[in-house]
């Protein structure tokens, strides 16, 4: 009876260790940090090589596109901190100077390398009133 309990206990321990190891390796590879530019650029060495979703705003007049290619270089900023980004691919229609963006990729010594399909430009809200225009009440 004692031997049977020991075998069951050992089996449970082995299965638990295997599942823990599997979860750890899966989560470690799939972990992606969501950070703002100012957080990453405060300590860039800490974030180099890690999978990031980087949030910021496209710096005005910083978008450069290599002629006849889909290669882009631009800068994004947040709270005074700026990072150079480079991307090859099709950008969304809402990707413009000053637009709010989230980039997926990795930080390296030469800036932020955006992954394929890694540019997400947020749409400005259609429901915000124009500056200086008071909302009107509609009669019903």
C-alpha atoms as a PDB file:
ATOM      1  CA  UNK A   1       0.000   0.000   0.000  1.00  0.00           C
ATOM      2  CA  UNK A   2       2.878   2.312   0.903  1.00  0.00           C
ATOM      3  CA  UNK A   3       4.636   1.661  -2.430  1.00  0.00           C
ATOM      4  CA  UNK A   4       1.484   2.478  -4.391  1.00  0.00           C
ATOM      5  CA  UNK A   5       1.090   5.826  -2.568  1.00  0.00           C
ATOM      6  CA  UNK A   6       4.747   6.669  -3.253  1.00  0.00           C
ATOM      7  CA  UNK A   7       4.303   5.934  -6.978  1.00  0.00           C
ATOM      8  CA  UNK A   8       1.196   8.118  -7.159  1.00  0.00           C
ATOM      9  CA  UNK A   9       2.957  10.911  -5.259  1.00  0.00           C
ATOM     10  CA  UNK A  10       6.001  10.732  -7.540  1.00  0.00           C
ATOM     11  CA  UNK A  11       3.777  10.765 -10.640  1.00  0.00           C
ATOM     12  CA  UNK A  12       1.911  13.840  -9.393  1.00  0.00           C
ATOM     13  CA  UNK A  13       5.206  15.646  -8.696  1.00  0.00           C
ATOM     14  CA  UNK A  14       6.598  14.794 -12.158  1.00  0.00           C
ATOM     15  CA  UNK A  15       3.409  15.962 -13.910  1.00  0.00           C
ATOM     16  CA  UNK A  16       3.309  19.191 -11.866  1.00  0.00           C
ATOM     17  CA  UNK A  17       6.962  19.956 -12.689  1.00  0.00           C
ATOM     18  CA  UNK A  18       6.404  19.214 -16.385  1.00  0.00           C
ATOM     19  CA  UNK A  19       3.351  21.499 -16.553  1.00  0.00           C
ATOM     20  CA  UNK A  20       5.155  24.262 -14.659  1.00  0.00           C
ATOM     21  CA  UNK A  21       8.129  24.052 -17.036  1.00  0.00           C
ATOM     22  CA  UNK A  22       5.855  24.095 -20.077  1.00  0.00           C
ATOM     23  CA  UNK A  23       3.928  27.124 -18.820  1.00  0.00           C
ATOM     24  CA  UNK A  24       7.142  28.991 -17.977  1.00  0.00           C
ATOM     25  CA  UNK A  25       8.733  28.409 -21.394  1.00  0.00           C
ATOM     26  CA  UNK A  26       5.520  29.306 -23.243  1.00  0.00           C
ATOM     27  CA  UNK A  27       4.878  32.498 -21.298  1.00  0.00           C
ATOM     28  CA  UNK A  28       8.511  33.599 -21.442  1.00  0.00           C
ATOM     29  CA  UNK A  29       8.542  33.435 -25.257  1.00  0.00           C
ATOM     30  CA  UNK A  30       5.113  35.029 -25.644  1.00  0.00           C
ATOM     31  CA  UNK A  31       5.542  37.853 -23.159  1.00  0.00           C
ATOM     32  CA  UNK A  32       5.142  41.267 -24.706  1.00  0.00           C
ATOM     33  CA  UNK A  33       5.432  44.420 -22.619  1.00  0.00           C
ATOM     34  CA  UNK A  34       3.148  47.418 -23.224  1.00  0.00           C
ATOM     35  CA  UNK A  35       5.202  50.544 -22.498  1.00  0.00           C
ATOM     36  CA  UNK A  36       5.190  54.265 -23.240  1.00  0.00           C
ATOM     37  CA  UNK A  37       8.192  55.856 -24.950  1.00  0.00           C
ATOM     38  CA  UNK A  38       9.211  57.762 -21.806  1.00  0.00           C
ATOM     39  CA  UNK A  39       9.284  54.544 -19.757  1.00  0.00           C
ATOM     40  CA  UNK A  40      11.492  52.712 -22.239  1.00  0.00           C
ATOM     41  CA  UNK A  41      13.833  55.613 -22.984  1.00  0.00           C
ATOM     42  CA  UNK A  42      14.405  56.294 -19.264  1.00  0.00           C
ATOM     43  CA  UNK A  43      16.411  53.019 -19.183  1.00  0.00           C
ATOM     44  CA  UNK A  44      16.812  51.791 -22.784  1.00  0.00           C
ATOM     45  CA  UNK A  45      19.396  49.103 -21.928  1.00  0.00           C
ATOM     46  CA  UNK A  46      16.800  47.354 -19.751  1.00  0.00           C
ATOM     47  CA  UNK A  47      14.382  47.020 -22.680  1.00  0.00           C
ATOM     48  CA  UNK A  48      16.719  46.154 -25.555  1.00  0.00           C
ATOM     49  CA  UNK A  49      15.828  42.900 -27.278  1.00  0.00           C
ATOM     50  CA  UNK A  50      12.537  42.422 -25.409  1.00  0.00           C
ATOM     51  CA  UNK A  51       9.214  42.148 -27.249  1.00  0.00           C
ATOM     52  CA  UNK A  52       7.435  45.464 -26.760  1.00  0.00           C
ATOM     53  CA  UNK A  53       4.288  47.288 -27.685  1.00  0.00           C
ATOM     54  CA  UNK A  54       5.507  50.879 -27.663  1.00  0.00           C
ATOM     55  CA  UNK A  55       2.980  53.707 -27.285  1.00  0.00           C
ATOM     56  CA  UNK A  56       3.640  57.275 -28.372  1.00  0.00           C
ATOM     57  CA  UNK A  57       2.965  59.995 -30.940  1.00  0.00           C
ATOM     58  CA  UNK A  58       4.601  60.400 -34.354  1.00  0.00           C
ATOM     59  CA  UNK A  59       6.906  63.433 -34.247  1.00  0.00           C
ATOM     60  CA  UNK A  60       5.832  66.108 -36.749  1.00  0.00           C
ATOM     61  CA  UNK A  61       7.800  66.069 -40.008  1.00  0.00           C
ATOM     62  CA  UNK A  62       9.765  62.969 -38.976  1.00  0.00           C
ATOM     63  CA  UNK A  63       8.249  60.415 -41.371  1.00  0.00           C
ATOM     64  CA  UNK A  64      10.675  59.519 -44.143  1.00  0.00           C
ATOM     65  CA  UNK A  65       9.984  56.918 -46.811  1.00  0.00           C
ATOM     66  CA  UNK A  66      12.700  55.534 -49.047  1.00  0.00           C
ATOM     67  CA  UNK A  67      11.629  56.168 -52.686  1.00  0.00           C
ATOM     68  CA  UNK A  68       9.943  53.242 -54.459  1.00  0.00           C
ATOM     69  CA  UNK A  69       9.956  51.083 -51.298  1.00  0.00           C
ATOM     70  CA  UNK A  70       7.859  50.442 -48.223  1.00  0.00           C
ATOM     71  CA  UNK A  71      10.763  51.338 -45.900  1.00  0.00           C
ATOM     72  CA  UNK A  72       9.879  53.977 -43.313  1.00  0.00           C
ATOM     73  CA  UNK A  73      11.913  55.830 -40.713  1.00  0.00           C
ATOM     74  CA  UNK A  74      10.215  58.076 -38.198  1.00  0.00           C
ATOM     75  CA  UNK A  75      10.407  59.184 -34.590  1.00  0.00           C
ATOM     76  CA  UNK A  76       7.825  58.717 -31.873  1.00  0.00           C
ATOM     77  CA  UNK A  77       7.680  60.638 -28.629  1.00  0.00           C
ATOM     78  CA  UNK A  78       5.925  60.769 -25.310  1.00  0.00           C
ATOM     79  CA  UNK A  79       6.452  63.278 -22.485  1.00  0.00           C
ATOM     80  CA  UNK A  80       9.606  64.690 -24.056  1.00  0.00           C
ATOM     81  CA  UNK A  81      11.337  61.344 -24.688  1.00  0.00           C
ATOM     82  CA  UNK A  82      11.906  60.336 -28.326  1.00  0.00           C
ATOM     83  CA  UNK A  83      12.937  57.126 -30.085  1.00  0.00           C
ATOM     84  CA  UNK A  84      13.832  56.523 -33.743  1.00  0.00           C
ATOM     85  CA  UNK A  85      11.761  53.762 -35.373  1.00  0.00           C
ATOM     86  CA  UNK A  86      12.135  51.866 -38.621  1.00  0.00           C
ATOM     87  CA  UNK A  87       9.535  49.761 -40.391  1.00  0.00           C
ATOM     88  CA  UNK A  88       9.121  47.982 -43.697  1.00  0.00           C
ATOM     89  CA  UNK A  89       5.556  47.364 -44.801  1.00  0.00           C
ATOM     90  CA  UNK A  90       2.201  48.967 -45.447  1.00  0.00           C
ATOM     91  CA  UNK A  91       1.169  51.580 -42.888  1.00  0.00           C
ATOM     92  CA  UNK A  92      -2.455  52.299 -41.926  1.00  0.00           C
ATOM     93  CA  UNK A  93      -4.232  55.310 -43.470  1.00  0.00           C
ATOM     94  CA  UNK A  94      -4.326  56.949 -40.042  1.00  0.00           C
ATOM     95  CA  UNK A  95      -0.503  56.889 -39.755  1.00  0.00           C
ATOM     96  CA  UNK A  96       0.379  60.570 -40.077  1.00  0.00           C
ATOM     97  CA  UNK A  97       2.489  63.247 -38.408  1.00  0.00           C
ATOM     98  CA  UNK A  98       1.242  63.733 -34.849  1.00  0.00           C
ATOM     99  CA  UNK A  99      -0.878  60.574 -34.814  1.00  0.00           C
ATOM    100  CA  UNK A 100      -1.059  58.352 -31.753  1.00  0.00           C
ATOM    101  CA  UNK A 101       0.550  54.971 -32.447  1.00  0.00           C
ATOM    102  CA  UNK A 102       1.333  51.650 -30.850  1.00  0.00           C
ATOM    103  CA  UNK A 103       4.278  49.828 -32.416  1.00  0.00           C
ATOM    104  CA  UNK A 104       5.065  46.132 -31.965  1.00  0.00           C
ATOM    105  CA  UNK A 105       8.718  45.182 -32.143  1.00  0.00           C
ATOM    106  CA  UNK A 106      12.032  45.357 -30.312  1.00  0.00           C
ATOM    107  CA  UNK A 107      14.373  48.087 -29.171  1.00  0.00           C
ATOM    108  CA  UNK A 108      17.947  47.885 -30.404  1.00  0.00           C
ATOM    109  CA  UNK A 109      21.020  50.137 -30.345  1.00  0.00           C
ATOM    110  CA  UNK A 110      19.876  51.898 -33.555  1.00  0.00           C
ATOM    111  CA  UNK A 111      16.273  52.483 -32.412  1.00  0.00           C
ATOM    112  CA  UNK A 112      12.987  50.617 -32.436  1.00  0.00           C
ATOM    113  CA  UNK A 113      12.645  47.896 -35.056  1.00  0.00           C
ATOM    114  CA  UNK A 114       8.953  47.468 -35.859  1.00  0.00           C
ATOM    115  CA  UNK A 115       7.763  43.935 -36.579  1.00  0.00           C
ATOM    116  CA  UNK A 116       5.820  43.081 -39.772  1.00  0.00           C
ATOM    117  CA  UNK A 117       2.277  44.477 -39.469  1.00  0.00           C
ATOM    118  CA  UNK A 118       3.403  46.116 -36.222  1.00  0.00           C
ATOM    119  CA  UNK A 119       2.122  49.676 -36.792  1.00  0.00           C
ATOM    120  CA  UNK A 120      -1.231  50.474 -35.214  1.00  0.00           C
ATOM    121  CA  UNK A 121      -2.301  54.091 -35.573  1.00  0.00           C
ATOM    122  CA  UNK A 122      -5.213  55.133 -33.424  1.00  0.00           C
ATOM    123  CA  UNK A 123      -8.094  56.942 -35.034  1.00  0.00           C
ATOM    124  CA  UNK A 124      -8.955  60.348 -33.631  1.00  0.00           C
ATOM    125  CA  UNK A 125     -12.364  60.236 -32.005  1.00  0.00           C
ATOM    126  CA  UNK A 126     -15.188  61.311 -34.318  1.00  0.00           C
ATOM    127  CA  UNK A 127     -17.239  62.273 -31.307  1.00  0.00           C
ATOM    128  CA  UNK A 128     -15.029  64.955 -29.803  1.00  0.00           C
ATOM    129  CA  UNK A 129     -16.434  68.444 -30.416  1.00  0.00           C
ATOM    130  CA  UNK A 130     -14.292  70.797 -32.445  1.00  0.00           C
ATOM    131  CA  UNK A 131     -12.311  73.279 -30.359  1.00  0.00           C
ATOM    132  CA  UNK A 132     -14.292  76.409 -29.617  1.00  0.00           C
ATOM    133  CA  UNK A 133     -17.607  74.862 -30.714  1.00  0.00           C
ATOM    134  CA  UNK A 134     -20.218  74.343 -28.056  1.00  0.00           C
ATOM    135  CA  UNK A 135     -22.466  71.299 -28.370  1.00  0.00           C
ATOM    136  CA  UNK A 136     -26.000  72.109 -29.452  1.00  0.00           C
ATOM    137  CA  UNK A 137     -29.206  70.605 -28.175  1.00  0.00           C
ATOM    138  CA  UNK A 138     -31.468  69.120 -30.787  1.00  0.00           C
ATOM    139  CA  UNK A 139     -35.184  69.564 -30.491  1.00  0.00           C
ATOM    140  CA  UNK A 140     -37.374  66.537 -30.536  1.00  0.00           C
END
